[in-house]
Amino acid sequence: MRSEQRLTVFVIDDDAAVRDSIALMLGLAGYRTSVFADAEAFLAAWKEDWAGCVIADVRLPGQSGVELQEELGRRGVALPFIVITAHGDVPTARAAFRLQAVDFLEKPFDHQQLCAAIETAFALEERRIERQDSRRADAEKLGRLTAREREVLEHAARGLHAKEIAAALGISPRTVEVHKTRIMEKLNVRNVAELVRFAIAATPR
């Protein structure tokens, strides 16, 4: 499944006519949508596997759209945000962009404006999903290594050669080379340079 098939536009607006209009327009344009009347309803329904972008009105009962954006950031949720409002002002726009909003659109906005912002948001989300999938795949590969192989990999990340790794671990250089060969097979890397790059990426900072 391509990742864009998982992407949803989450529309949050307390005006039922507005959110239904946006959802209808986006549905006709081929986007999958999910609508909410306020930030609290969105947070109550939130699932970790949701992906896409959020379109949130600034003025909502309870948390504002920008406060929701901030709350999700605190939770480590990286959904791109498009902030919409009928009462645009510079401080609010600055707050939204400081929290890395994709766009800040004043009502009434046209179809092209909104779709352009969504496409920008989806492109960001695609890259995030690719990085997440890559990290997950790397973690699965690392899980195949034995404890000793992890030790060899960690020393390789520090740039140590076989003799130095052998001395540090109390094993022979030949055994280190055997471990390296097995590690390369399990991680599906082709040479020592790729092994070192993988090791550096996998080593906690």
N, C-alpha and C. Protein backbone atom coordinates (compact mmCIF):
# COMPACT_ATOMS: atom_id res chain seq x y z
N MET A 1 0.84 -1.20 0.00
CA MET A 1 0.00 0.00 0.00
C MET A 1 0.88 1.24 0.00
N ARG A 2 0.64 2.16 -0.94
CA ARG A 2 1.36 3.41 -0.95
C ARG A 2 0.89 4.27 0.21
N SER A 3 1.84 5.05 0.77
CA SER A 3 1.51 5.78 1.99
C SER A 3 0.42 6.82 1.79
N GLU A 4 0.30 7.40 0.56
CA GLU A 4 -0.74 8.42 0.41
C GLU A 4 -2.13 7.84 0.56
N GLN A 5 -2.28 6.51 0.40
CA GLN A 5 -3.58 5.89 0.60
C GLN A 5 -3.99 5.91 2.07
N ARG A 6 -3.03 6.12 2.94
CA ARG A 6 -3.32 6.18 4.36
C ARG A 6 -3.58 7.61 4.82
N LEU A 7 -3.34 8.59 3.97
CA LEU A 7 -3.41 9.98 4.39
C LEU A 7 -4.84 10.49 4.43
N THR A 8 -5.15 11.19 5.51
CA THR A 8 -6.49 11.75 5.73
C THR A 8 -6.37 13.22 6.06
N VAL A 9 -7.32 14.01 5.60
CA VAL A 9 -7.41 15.42 6.00
C VAL A 9 -8.39 15.49 7.16
N PHE A 10 -7.88 15.89 8.33
CA PHE A 10 -8.71 16.00 9.53
C PHE A 10 -9.19 17.45 9.64
N VAL A 11 -10.49 17.65 9.47
CA VAL A 11 -11.08 18.99 9.46
C VAL A 11 -11.70 19.27 10.83
N ILE A 12 -11.23 20.34 11.48
CA ILE A 12 -11.73 20.68 12.82
C ILE A 12 -12.28 22.10 12.79
N ASP A 13 -13.59 22.20 12.89
CA ASP A 13 -14.26 23.51 12.86
C ASP A 13 -15.58 23.37 13.61
N ASP A 14 -15.90 24.33 14.47
CA ASP A 14 -17.13 24.23 15.25
C ASP A 14 -18.37 24.63 14.46
N ASP A 15 -18.16 25.21 13.28
CA ASP A 15 -19.28 25.57 12.40
C ASP A 15 -19.58 24.37 11.50
N ALA A 16 -20.70 23.70 11.74
CA ALA A 16 -21.03 22.49 11.00
C ALA A 16 -21.10 22.74 9.50
N ALA A 17 -21.64 23.90 9.10
CA ALA A 17 -21.76 24.21 7.67
C ALA A 17 -20.38 24.33 7.03
N VAL A 18 -19.44 24.95 7.75
CA VAL A 18 -18.10 25.14 7.21
C VAL A 18 -17.38 23.80 7.08
N ARG A 19 -17.38 23.02 8.16
CA ARG A 19 -16.62 21.75 8.10
C ARG A 19 -17.23 20.79 7.09
N ASP A 20 -18.57 20.78 6.97
CA ASP A 20 -19.19 19.89 5.98
C ASP A 20 -18.90 20.36 4.57
N SER A 21 -18.86 21.68 4.38
CA SER A 21 -18.54 22.23 3.06
C SER A 21 -17.12 21.88 2.66
N ILE A 22 -16.18 22.03 3.61
CA ILE A 22 -14.78 21.69 3.32
C ILE A 22 -14.65 20.20 3.03
N ALA A 23 -15.30 19.37 3.84
CA ALA A 23 -15.22 17.92 3.65
C ALA A 23 -15.80 17.51 2.30
N LEU A 24 -16.92 18.13 1.90
CA LEU A 24 -17.54 17.83 0.62
C LEU A 24 -16.62 18.22 -0.53
N MET A 25 -16.08 19.43 -0.44
CA MET A 25 -15.18 19.92 -1.49
C MET A 25 -13.97 19.01 -1.64
N LEU A 26 -13.38 18.64 -0.50
CA LEU A 26 -12.19 17.80 -0.54
C LEU A 26 -12.52 16.38 -0.99
N GLY A 27 -13.69 15.88 -0.57
CA GLY A 27 -14.11 14.55 -1.01
C GLY A 27 -14.27 14.49 -2.52
N LEU A 28 -14.84 15.53 -3.09
CA LEU A 28 -15.01 15.58 -4.55
C LEU A 28 -13.66 15.68 -5.26
N ALA A 29 -12.66 16.22 -4.56
CA ALA A 29 -11.32 16.34 -5.14
C ALA A 29 -10.49 15.07 -4.92
N GLY A 30 -11.08 14.08 -4.25
CA GLY A 30 -10.40 12.80 -4.07
C GLY A 30 -9.69 12.61 -2.76
N TYR A 31 -9.85 13.55 -1.83
CA TYR A 31 -9.20 13.42 -0.52
C TYR A 31 -10.10 12.66 0.45
N ARG A 32 -9.48 11.90 1.32
CA ARG A 32 -10.21 11.26 2.40
C ARG A 32 -10.26 12.22 3.58
N THR A 33 -11.43 12.40 4.18
CA THR A 33 -11.57 13.38 5.25
C THR A 33 -12.19 12.75 6.49
N SER A 34 -11.95 13.42 7.62
CA SER A 34 -12.59 13.07 8.88
C SER A 34 -12.84 14.38 9.60
N VAL A 35 -14.07 14.59 10.10
CA VAL A 35 -14.43 15.91 10.63
C VAL A 35 -14.68 15.85 12.15
N PHE A 36 -14.36 16.99 12.81
CA PHE A 36 -14.53 17.12 14.25
C PHE A 36 -15.02 18.53 14.56
N ALA A 37 -15.83 18.64 15.61
CA ALA A 37 -16.40 19.94 15.99
C ALA A 37 -15.46 20.75 16.88
N ASP A 38 -14.52 20.08 17.53
CA ASP A 38 -13.60 20.81 18.40
C ASP A 38 -12.33 20.00 18.62
N ALA A 39 -11.35 20.65 19.24
CA ALA A 39 -10.05 20.01 19.46
C ALA A 39 -10.17 18.81 20.39
N GLU A 40 -11.02 18.95 21.42
CA GLU A 40 -11.16 17.89 22.39
C GLU A 40 -11.70 16.60 21.75
N ALA A 41 -12.64 16.74 20.83
CA ALA A 41 -13.18 15.56 20.14
C ALA A 41 -12.10 14.88 19.30
N PHE A 42 -11.26 15.69 18.67
CA PHE A 42 -10.16 15.15 17.87
C PHE A 42 -9.19 14.39 18.77
N LEU A 43 -8.81 14.99 19.89
CA LEU A 43 -7.85 14.36 20.79
C LEU A 43 -8.42 13.08 21.40
N ALA A 44 -9.71 13.08 21.69
CA ALA A 44 -10.34 11.88 22.26
C ALA A 44 -10.34 10.72 21.27
N ALA A 45 -10.45 11.05 19.98
CA ALA A 45 -10.51 10.01 18.95
C ALA A 45 -9.13 9.62 18.43
N TRP A 46 -8.12 10.40 18.74
CA TRP A 46 -6.78 10.25 18.15
C TRP A 46 -6.23 8.83 18.27
N LYS A 47 -5.67 8.32 17.15
CA LYS A 47 -4.99 7.03 17.13
C LYS A 47 -3.58 7.24 16.58
N GLU A 48 -2.64 6.48 17.11
CA GLU A 48 -1.24 6.68 16.76
C GLU A 48 -0.94 6.43 15.29
N ASP A 49 -1.75 5.62 14.63
CA ASP A 49 -1.46 5.31 13.23
C ASP A 49 -2.10 6.31 12.26
N TRP A 50 -2.76 7.34 12.77
CA TRP A 50 -3.32 8.35 11.87
C TRP A 50 -2.21 9.11 11.16
N ALA A 51 -2.46 9.41 9.91
CA ALA A 51 -1.48 10.16 9.11
C ALA A 51 -2.24 11.06 8.15
N GLY A 52 -1.62 12.16 7.78
CA GLY A 52 -2.25 13.10 6.86
C GLY A 52 -1.95 14.52 7.27
N CYS A 53 -2.98 15.35 7.42
CA CYS A 53 -2.78 16.71 7.88
C CYS A 53 -4.05 17.19 8.58
N VAL A 54 -3.91 18.26 9.34
CA VAL A 54 -5.03 18.84 10.07
C VAL A 54 -5.37 20.20 9.50
N ILE A 55 -6.66 20.44 9.26
CA ILE A 55 -7.16 21.78 8.96
C ILE A 55 -7.96 22.20 10.19
N ALA A 56 -7.48 23.21 10.92
CA ALA A 56 -8.14 23.59 12.16
C ALA A 56 -8.44 25.08 12.18
N ASP A 57 -9.66 25.41 12.59
CA ASP A 57 -10.02 26.82 12.78
C ASP A 57 -9.29 27.36 14.01
N VAL A 58 -8.95 28.63 13.97
CA VAL A 58 -8.30 29.25 15.13
C VAL A 58 -9.25 29.28 16.30
N ARG A 59 -10.47 29.77 16.09
CA ARG A 59 -11.42 29.94 17.17
C ARG A 59 -12.32 28.70 17.29
N LEU A 60 -12.07 27.94 18.35
CA LEU A 60 -12.86 26.75 18.63
C LEU A 60 -13.30 26.80 20.09
N PRO A 61 -14.40 26.16 20.41
CA PRO A 61 -14.76 26.06 21.82
C PRO A 61 -13.72 25.20 22.52
N GLY A 62 -13.28 25.59 23.70
CA GLY A 62 -12.19 24.85 24.35
C GLY A 62 -10.87 25.28 23.76
N GLN A 63 -10.01 24.32 23.46
CA GLN A 63 -8.71 24.64 22.88
C GLN A 63 -8.86 25.27 21.50
N SER A 64 -8.05 26.28 21.22
CA SER A 64 -8.03 26.88 19.89
C SER A 64 -7.26 25.98 18.93
N GLY A 65 -7.35 26.30 17.65
CA GLY A 65 -6.61 25.53 16.67
C GLY A 65 -5.11 25.57 16.92
N VAL A 66 -4.59 26.74 17.29
CA VAL A 66 -3.15 26.87 17.56
C VAL A 66 -2.77 26.14 18.84
N GLU A 67 -3.65 26.17 19.85
CA GLU A 67 -3.39 25.43 21.09
C GLU A 67 -3.39 23.92 20.83
N LEU A 68 -4.25 23.46 19.94
CA LEU A 68 -4.25 22.05 19.56
C LEU A 68 -2.93 21.70 18.88
N GLN A 69 -2.49 22.58 17.99
CA GLN A 69 -1.22 22.37 17.30
C GLN A 69 -0.08 22.23 18.32
N GLU A 70 -0.10 23.09 19.33
CA GLU A 70 0.93 23.06 20.37
C GLU A 70 0.82 21.79 21.21
N GLU A 71 -0.40 21.39 21.53
CA GLU A 71 -0.62 20.19 22.33
C GLU A 71 -0.12 18.94 21.61
N LEU A 72 -0.41 18.83 20.33
CA LEU A 72 0.06 17.67 19.56
C LEU A 72 1.58 17.66 19.50
N GLY A 73 2.18 18.84 19.38
CA GLY A 73 3.64 18.92 19.38
C GLY A 73 4.23 18.39 20.68
N ARG A 74 3.59 18.74 21.80
CA ARG A 74 4.06 18.23 23.11
C ARG A 74 3.94 16.72 23.18
N ARG A 75 2.95 16.17 22.49
CA ARG A 75 2.75 14.71 22.51
C ARG A 75 3.63 14.00 21.49
N GLY A 76 4.41 14.76 20.74
CA GLY A 76 5.28 14.16 19.74
C GLY A 76 4.58 13.79 18.45
N VAL A 77 3.39 14.37 18.24
CA VAL A 77 2.63 14.11 17.01
C VAL A 77 3.03 15.15 15.97
N ALA A 78 3.50 14.69 14.83
CA ALA A 78 4.07 15.60 13.83
C ALA A 78 3.13 15.87 12.65
N LEU A 79 1.81 15.73 12.84
CA LEU A 79 0.88 16.00 11.74
C LEU A 79 1.02 17.44 11.26
N PRO A 80 1.19 17.67 9.95
CA PRO A 80 1.23 19.04 9.44
C PRO A 80 -0.11 19.74 9.67
N PHE A 81 -0.03 21.05 9.96
CA PHE A 81 -1.21 21.84 10.28
C PHE A 81 -1.45 22.92 9.24
N ILE A 82 -2.73 23.08 8.87
CA ILE A 82 -3.19 24.22 8.09
C ILE A 82 -4.19 24.94 8.97
N VAL A 83 -3.90 26.18 9.32
CA VAL A 83 -4.75 26.94 10.21
C VAL A 83 -5.67 27.84 9.38
N ILE A 84 -6.96 27.83 9.69
CA ILE A 84 -7.91 28.67 8.97
C ILE A 84 -8.62 29.59 9.97
N THR A 85 -9.04 30.75 9.49
CA THR A 85 -9.71 31.68 10.40
C THR A 85 -10.48 32.73 9.62
N ALA A 86 -11.53 33.23 10.24
CA ALA A 86 -12.27 34.38 9.71
C ALA A 86 -11.82 35.65 10.40
N HIS A 87 -10.89 35.51 11.34
CA HIS A 87 -10.44 36.66 12.13
C HIS A 87 -8.92 36.67 12.18
N GLY A 88 -8.30 36.79 11.02
CA GLY A 88 -6.85 36.74 10.95
C GLY A 88 -6.18 37.91 11.63
N ASP A 89 -5.09 37.63 12.34
CA ASP A 89 -4.28 38.70 12.91
C ASP A 89 -2.84 38.23 12.93
N VAL A 90 -1.93 39.18 12.95
CA VAL A 90 -0.50 38.87 12.84
C VAL A 90 0.01 38.01 14.00
N PRO A 91 -0.31 38.33 15.26
CA PRO A 91 0.20 37.50 16.35
C PRO A 91 -0.23 36.03 16.25
N THR A 92 -1.48 35.79 15.87
CA THR A 92 -1.96 34.41 15.75
C THR A 92 -1.25 33.70 14.61
N ALA A 93 -1.09 34.40 13.49
CA ALA A 93 -0.39 33.81 12.34
C ALA A 93 1.05 33.48 12.72
N ARG A 94 1.71 34.41 13.44
CA ARG A 94 3.08 34.17 13.86
C ARG A 94 3.17 32.96 14.79
N ALA A 95 2.20 32.83 15.71
CA ALA A 95 2.19 31.68 16.62
C ALA A 95 2.05 30.38 15.86
N ALA A 96 1.16 30.37 14.86
CA ALA A 96 0.94 29.16 14.07
C ALA A 96 2.19 28.79 13.29
N PHE A 97 2.83 29.78 12.66
CA PHE A 97 4.02 29.48 11.87
C PHE A 97 5.21 29.11 12.75
N ARG A 98 5.27 29.68 13.96
CA ARG A 98 6.33 29.31 14.89
C ARG A 98 6.22 27.83 15.26
N LEU A 99 4.99 27.32 15.26
CA LEU A 99 4.75 25.90 15.52
C LEU A 99 4.81 25.09 14.22
N GLN A 100 5.30 25.72 13.16
CA GLN A 100 5.55 25.08 11.86
C GLN A 100 4.27 24.71 11.10
N ALA A 101 3.27 25.59 11.18
CA ALA A 101 2.08 25.41 10.34
C ALA A 101 2.48 25.49 8.87
N VAL A 102 1.82 24.70 8.04
CA VAL A 102 2.09 24.72 6.60
C VAL A 102 1.56 26.01 5.97
N ASP A 103 0.36 26.43 6.44
CA ASP A 103 -0.24 27.65 5.89
C ASP A 103 -1.24 28.22 6.89
N PHE A 104 -1.56 29.49 6.69
CA PHE A 104 -2.52 30.20 7.53
C PHE A 104 -3.48 30.89 6.56
N LEU A 105 -4.68 30.33 6.43
CA LEU A 105 -5.61 30.80 5.40
C LEU A 105 -6.78 31.56 6.04
N GLU A 106 -7.06 32.73 5.48
CA GLU A 106 -8.20 33.51 5.96
C GLU A 106 -9.44 33.17 5.14
N LYS A 107 -10.56 32.96 5.84
CA LYS A 107 -11.83 32.72 5.16
C LYS A 107 -12.33 34.03 4.55
N PRO A 108 -12.97 33.98 3.38
CA PRO A 108 -13.15 32.78 2.56
C PRO A 108 -11.90 32.52 1.71
N PHE A 109 -11.46 31.27 1.67
CA PHE A 109 -10.32 30.89 0.83
C PHE A 109 -10.87 30.07 -0.33
N ASP A 110 -10.11 30.02 -1.42
CA ASP A 110 -10.63 29.27 -2.56
C ASP A 110 -10.09 27.83 -2.56
N HIS A 111 -10.69 27.04 -3.40
CA HIS A 111 -10.38 25.61 -3.51
C HIS A 111 -8.91 25.39 -3.80
N GLN A 112 -8.36 26.19 -4.74
CA GLN A 112 -6.97 26.00 -5.15
C GLN A 112 -6.00 26.28 -4.01
N GLN A 113 -6.29 27.34 -3.23
CA GLN A 113 -5.45 27.67 -2.08
C GLN A 113 -5.38 26.51 -1.09
N LEU A 114 -6.55 25.98 -0.77
CA LEU A 114 -6.61 24.92 0.22
C LEU A 114 -5.94 23.65 -0.29
N CYS A 115 -6.21 23.29 -1.52
CA CYS A 115 -5.62 22.06 -2.08
C CYS A 115 -4.10 22.19 -2.19
N ALA A 116 -3.61 23.38 -2.53
CA ALA A 116 -2.16 23.59 -2.61
C ALA A 116 -1.53 23.40 -1.24
N ALA A 117 -2.19 23.92 -0.20
CA ALA A 117 -1.67 23.76 1.16
C ALA A 117 -1.69 22.29 1.57
N ILE A 118 -2.75 21.58 1.21
CA ILE A 118 -2.84 20.16 1.55
C ILE A 118 -1.76 19.36 0.85
N GLU A 119 -1.51 19.65 -0.41
CA GLU A 119 -0.47 18.93 -1.14
C GLU A 119 0.91 19.17 -0.51
N THR A 120 1.16 20.40 -0.07
CA THR A 120 2.41 20.69 0.63
C THR A 120 2.49 19.87 1.92
N ALA A 121 1.37 19.85 2.67
CA ALA A 121 1.32 19.10 3.92
C ALA A 121 1.51 17.60 3.67
N PHE A 122 0.87 17.08 2.64
CA PHE A 122 0.99 15.65 2.34
C PHE A 122 2.41 15.28 1.93
N ALA A 123 3.08 16.19 1.21
CA ALA A 123 4.47 15.92 0.82
C ALA A 123 5.35 15.81 2.06
N LEU A 124 5.12 16.69 3.03
CA LEU A 124 5.86 16.62 4.30
C LEU A 124 5.55 15.32 5.03
N GLU A 125 4.28 14.94 5.02
CA GLU A 125 3.86 13.73 5.72
C GLU A 125 4.43 12.48 5.05
N GLU A 126 4.48 12.48 3.72
CA GLU A 126 5.08 11.35 2.99
C GLU A 126 6.53 11.16 3.41
N ARG A 127 7.28 12.26 3.50
CA ARG A 127 8.69 12.16 3.90
C ARG A 127 8.81 11.66 5.34
N ARG A 128 7.92 12.13 6.21
CA ARG A 128 7.96 11.67 7.60
C ARG A 128 7.69 10.16 7.68
N ILE A 129 6.70 9.69 6.92
CA ILE A 129 6.35 8.28 6.92
C ILE A 129 7.51 7.44 6.37
N GLU A 130 8.15 7.94 5.31
CA GLU A 130 9.29 7.22 4.74
C GLU A 130 10.41 7.09 5.77
N ARG A 131 10.69 8.18 6.50
CA ARG A 131 11.74 8.12 7.52
C ARG A 131 11.34 7.16 8.64
N GLN A 132 10.08 7.20 9.03
CA GLN A 132 9.57 6.32 10.08
C GLN A 132 9.67 4.86 9.65
N ASP A 133 9.26 4.57 8.42
CA ASP A 133 9.32 3.20 7.90
C ASP A 133 10.77 2.72 7.82
N SER A 134 11.67 3.64 7.42
CA SER A 134 13.08 3.28 7.32
C SER A 134 13.66 2.96 8.69
N ARG A 135 13.31 3.79 9.69
CA ARG A 135 13.79 3.52 11.06
C ARG A 135 13.24 2.21 11.59
N ARG A 136 11.98 1.93 11.26
CA ARG A 136 11.36 0.68 11.73
C ARG A 136 12.07 -0.52 11.09
N ALA A 137 12.35 -0.41 9.79
CA ALA A 137 13.04 -1.50 9.09
C ALA A 137 14.44 -1.70 9.66
N ASP A 138 15.13 -0.59 9.96
CA ASP A 138 16.47 -0.69 10.55
C ASP A 138 16.40 -1.34 11.93
N ALA A 139 15.39 -0.98 12.70
CA ALA A 139 15.24 -1.56 14.05
C ALA A 139 14.99 -3.06 13.96
N GLU A 140 14.20 -3.48 12.95
CA GLU A 140 13.95 -4.90 12.77
C GLU A 140 15.23 -5.64 12.42
N LYS A 141 16.05 -5.02 11.56
CA LYS A 141 17.33 -5.64 11.20
C LYS A 141 18.24 -5.74 12.42
N LEU A 142 18.29 -4.67 13.22
CA LEU A 142 19.13 -4.69 14.42
C LEU A 142 18.68 -5.76 15.40
N GLY A 143 17.38 -6.03 15.40
CA GLY A 143 16.84 -7.04 16.30
C GLY A 143 17.31 -8.45 15.97
N ARG A 144 17.85 -8.63 14.76
CA ARG A 144 18.35 -9.95 14.35
C ARG A 144 19.76 -10.22 14.88
N LEU A 145 20.43 -9.18 15.35
CA LEU A 145 21.81 -9.33 15.80
C LEU A 145 21.87 -9.93 17.19
N THR A 146 22.93 -10.73 17.42
CA THR A 146 23.18 -11.23 18.76
C THR A 146 23.78 -10.11 19.61
N ALA A 147 23.86 -10.35 20.92
CA ALA A 147 24.44 -9.35 21.81
C ALA A 147 25.88 -9.04 21.42
N ARG A 148 26.65 -10.08 21.07
CA ARG A 148 28.05 -9.87 20.67
C ARG A 148 28.13 -9.09 19.36
N GLU A 149 27.25 -9.40 18.43
CA GLU A 149 27.25 -8.65 17.16
C GLU A 149 26.91 -7.19 17.38
N ARG A 150 26.00 -6.90 18.33
CA ARG A 150 25.69 -5.51 18.64
C ARG A 150 26.93 -4.80 19.20
N GLU A 151 27.69 -5.50 20.02
CA GLU A 151 28.91 -4.91 20.58
C GLU A 151 29.91 -4.59 19.47
N VAL A 152 30.09 -5.52 18.55
CA VAL A 152 31.00 -5.29 17.43
C VAL A 152 30.52 -4.11 16.59
N LEU A 153 29.21 -4.04 16.35
CA LEU A 153 28.65 -2.95 15.57
C LEU A 153 28.87 -1.60 16.26
N GLU A 154 28.66 -1.55 17.57
CA GLU A 154 28.85 -0.31 18.32
C GLU A 154 30.30 0.16 18.27
N HIS A 155 31.24 -0.78 18.35
CA HIS A 155 32.65 -0.40 18.25
C HIS A 155 33.00 0.05 16.84
N ALA A 156 32.39 -0.59 15.84
CA ALA A 156 32.63 -0.17 14.45
C ALA A 156 32.13 1.25 14.22
N ALA A 157 31.04 1.61 14.91
CA ALA A 157 30.49 2.97 14.77
C ALA A 157 31.47 4.01 15.28
N ARG A 158 32.36 3.61 16.19
CA ARG A 158 33.37 4.53 16.72
C ARG A 158 34.61 4.58 15.85
N GLY A 159 34.58 3.81 14.74
CA GLY A 159 35.69 3.85 13.79
C GLY A 159 36.84 2.91 14.13
N LEU A 160 36.60 1.99 15.06
CA LEU A 160 37.67 1.06 15.45
C LEU A 160 37.86 -0.02 14.38
N HIS A 161 39.12 -0.43 14.20
CA HIS A 161 39.43 -1.51 13.26
C HIS A 161 39.31 -2.85 13.98
N ALA A 162 39.41 -3.94 13.21
CA ALA A 162 39.20 -5.28 13.76
C ALA A 162 40.11 -5.57 14.95
N LYS A 163 41.41 -5.21 14.83
CA LYS A 163 42.33 -5.48 15.94
C LYS A 163 41.95 -4.71 17.19
N GLU A 164 41.50 -3.46 17.01
CA GLU A 164 41.10 -2.64 18.15
C GLU A 164 39.83 -3.18 18.79
N ILE A 165 38.87 -3.61 17.95
CA ILE A 165 37.63 -4.19 18.47
C ILE A 165 37.95 -5.49 19.22
N ALA A 166 38.85 -6.30 18.63
CA ALA A 166 39.24 -7.56 19.27
C ALA A 166 39.82 -7.31 20.65
N ALA A 167 40.70 -6.31 20.75
CA ALA A 167 41.33 -6.01 22.03
C ALA A 167 40.30 -5.52 23.04
N ALA A 168 39.36 -4.72 22.58
CA ALA A 168 38.34 -4.17 23.48
C ALA A 168 37.41 -5.26 24.00
N LEU A 169 37.12 -6.25 23.16
CA LEU A 169 36.16 -7.29 23.53
C LEU A 169 36.80 -8.58 24.03
N GLY A 170 38.13 -8.66 23.95
CA GLY A 170 38.82 -9.86 24.41
C GLY A 170 38.61 -11.05 23.50
N ILE A 171 38.51 -10.81 22.20
CA ILE A 171 38.36 -11.88 21.21
C ILE A 171 39.41 -11.68 20.13
N SER A 172 39.52 -12.64 19.22
CA SER A 172 40.54 -12.54 18.17
C SER A 172 40.05 -11.66 17.02
N PRO A 173 41.00 -11.03 16.30
CA PRO A 173 40.61 -10.25 15.12
C PRO A 173 39.85 -11.10 14.10
N ARG A 174 40.22 -12.37 13.98
CA ARG A 174 39.52 -13.25 13.05
C ARG A 174 38.05 -13.40 13.46
N THR A 175 37.80 -13.52 14.76
CA THR A 175 36.42 -13.64 15.24
C THR A 175 35.65 -12.35 14.96
N VAL A 176 36.32 -11.21 15.11
CA VAL A 176 35.68 -9.93 14.80
C VAL A 176 35.26 -9.90 13.34
N GLU A 177 36.15 -10.37 12.45
CA GLU A 177 35.83 -10.37 11.02
C GLU A 177 34.65 -11.29 10.71
N VAL A 178 34.59 -12.42 11.41
CA VAL A 178 33.44 -13.34 11.23
C VAL A 178 32.15 -12.64 11.66
N HIS A 179 32.21 -11.96 12.81
CA HIS A 179 31.03 -11.22 13.28
C HIS A 179 30.63 -10.15 12.27
N LYS A 180 31.63 -9.42 11.74
CA LYS A 180 31.33 -8.36 10.77
C LYS A 180 30.61 -8.92 9.55
N THR A 181 31.09 -10.07 9.07
CA THR A 181 30.47 -10.70 7.90
C THR A 181 29.01 -11.05 8.18
N ARG A 182 28.78 -11.62 9.35
CA ARG A 182 27.40 -11.99 9.70
C ARG A 182 26.52 -10.75 9.88
N ILE A 183 27.10 -9.72 10.49
CA ILE A 183 26.35 -8.47 10.68
C ILE A 183 25.95 -7.88 9.33
N MET A 184 26.90 -7.87 8.39
CA MET A 184 26.62 -7.30 7.06
C MET A 184 25.52 -8.07 6.36
N GLU A 185 25.52 -9.40 6.54
CA GLU A 185 24.46 -10.22 5.93
C GLU A 185 23.11 -9.90 6.55
N LYS A 186 23.07 -9.79 7.89
CA LYS A 186 21.80 -9.54 8.58
C LYS A 186 21.25 -8.14 8.31
N LEU A 187 22.17 -7.17 8.17
CA LEU A 187 21.74 -5.79 7.93
C LEU A 187 21.58 -5.49 6.44
N ASN A 188 21.99 -6.45 5.60
CA ASN A 188 21.90 -6.28 4.15
C ASN A 188 22.68 -5.06 3.67
N VAL A 189 23.92 -4.95 4.17
CA VAL A 189 24.82 -3.90 3.69
C VAL A 189 25.91 -4.56 2.86
N ARG A 190 26.47 -3.79 1.92
CA ARG A 190 27.36 -4.39 0.93
C ARG A 190 28.83 -4.27 1.26
N ASN A 191 29.20 -3.30 2.08
CA ASN A 191 30.62 -3.10 2.38
C ASN A 191 30.78 -2.47 3.76
N VAL A 192 32.03 -2.33 4.18
CA VAL A 192 32.30 -1.82 5.52
C VAL A 192 31.83 -0.37 5.67
N ALA A 193 31.96 0.43 4.60
CA ALA A 193 31.52 1.83 4.66
C ALA A 193 30.03 1.91 4.97
N GLU A 194 29.22 1.08 4.31
CA GLU A 194 27.78 1.06 4.59
C GLU A 194 27.51 0.56 6.00
N LEU A 195 28.32 -0.41 6.43
CA LEU A 195 28.17 -0.94 7.79
C LEU A 195 28.40 0.16 8.82
N VAL A 196 29.44 0.96 8.61
CA VAL A 196 29.76 2.04 9.54
C VAL A 196 28.65 3.09 9.54
N ARG A 197 28.14 3.44 8.35
CA ARG A 197 27.05 4.41 8.27
C ARG A 197 25.82 3.90 9.03
N PHE A 198 25.50 2.62 8.84
CA PHE A 198 24.37 2.02 9.55
C PHE A 198 24.62 2.04 11.05
N ALA A 199 25.84 1.70 11.43
CA ALA A 199 26.18 1.65 12.86
C ALA A 199 26.04 3.02 13.50
N ILE A 200 26.50 4.06 12.83
CA ILE A 200 26.41 5.41 13.36
C ILE A 200 24.95 5.83 13.52
N ALA A 201 24.12 5.52 12.50
CA ALA A 201 22.70 5.86 12.55
C ALA A 201 21.99 5.11 13.65
N ALA A 202 22.44 3.89 13.92
CA ALA A 202 21.76 3.05 14.90
C ALA A 202 22.23 3.28 16.33
N THR A 203 23.36 3.97 16.48
CA THR A 203 23.92 4.16 17.82
C THR A 203 23.20 5.30 18.52
N PRO A 204 22.65 5.08 19.73
CA PRO A 204 21.97 6.16 20.46
C PRO A 204 22.92 7.31 20.71
N ARG A 205 22.36 8.56 20.60
CA ARG A 205 23.18 9.74 20.82
C ARG A 205 22.88 10.31 22.19
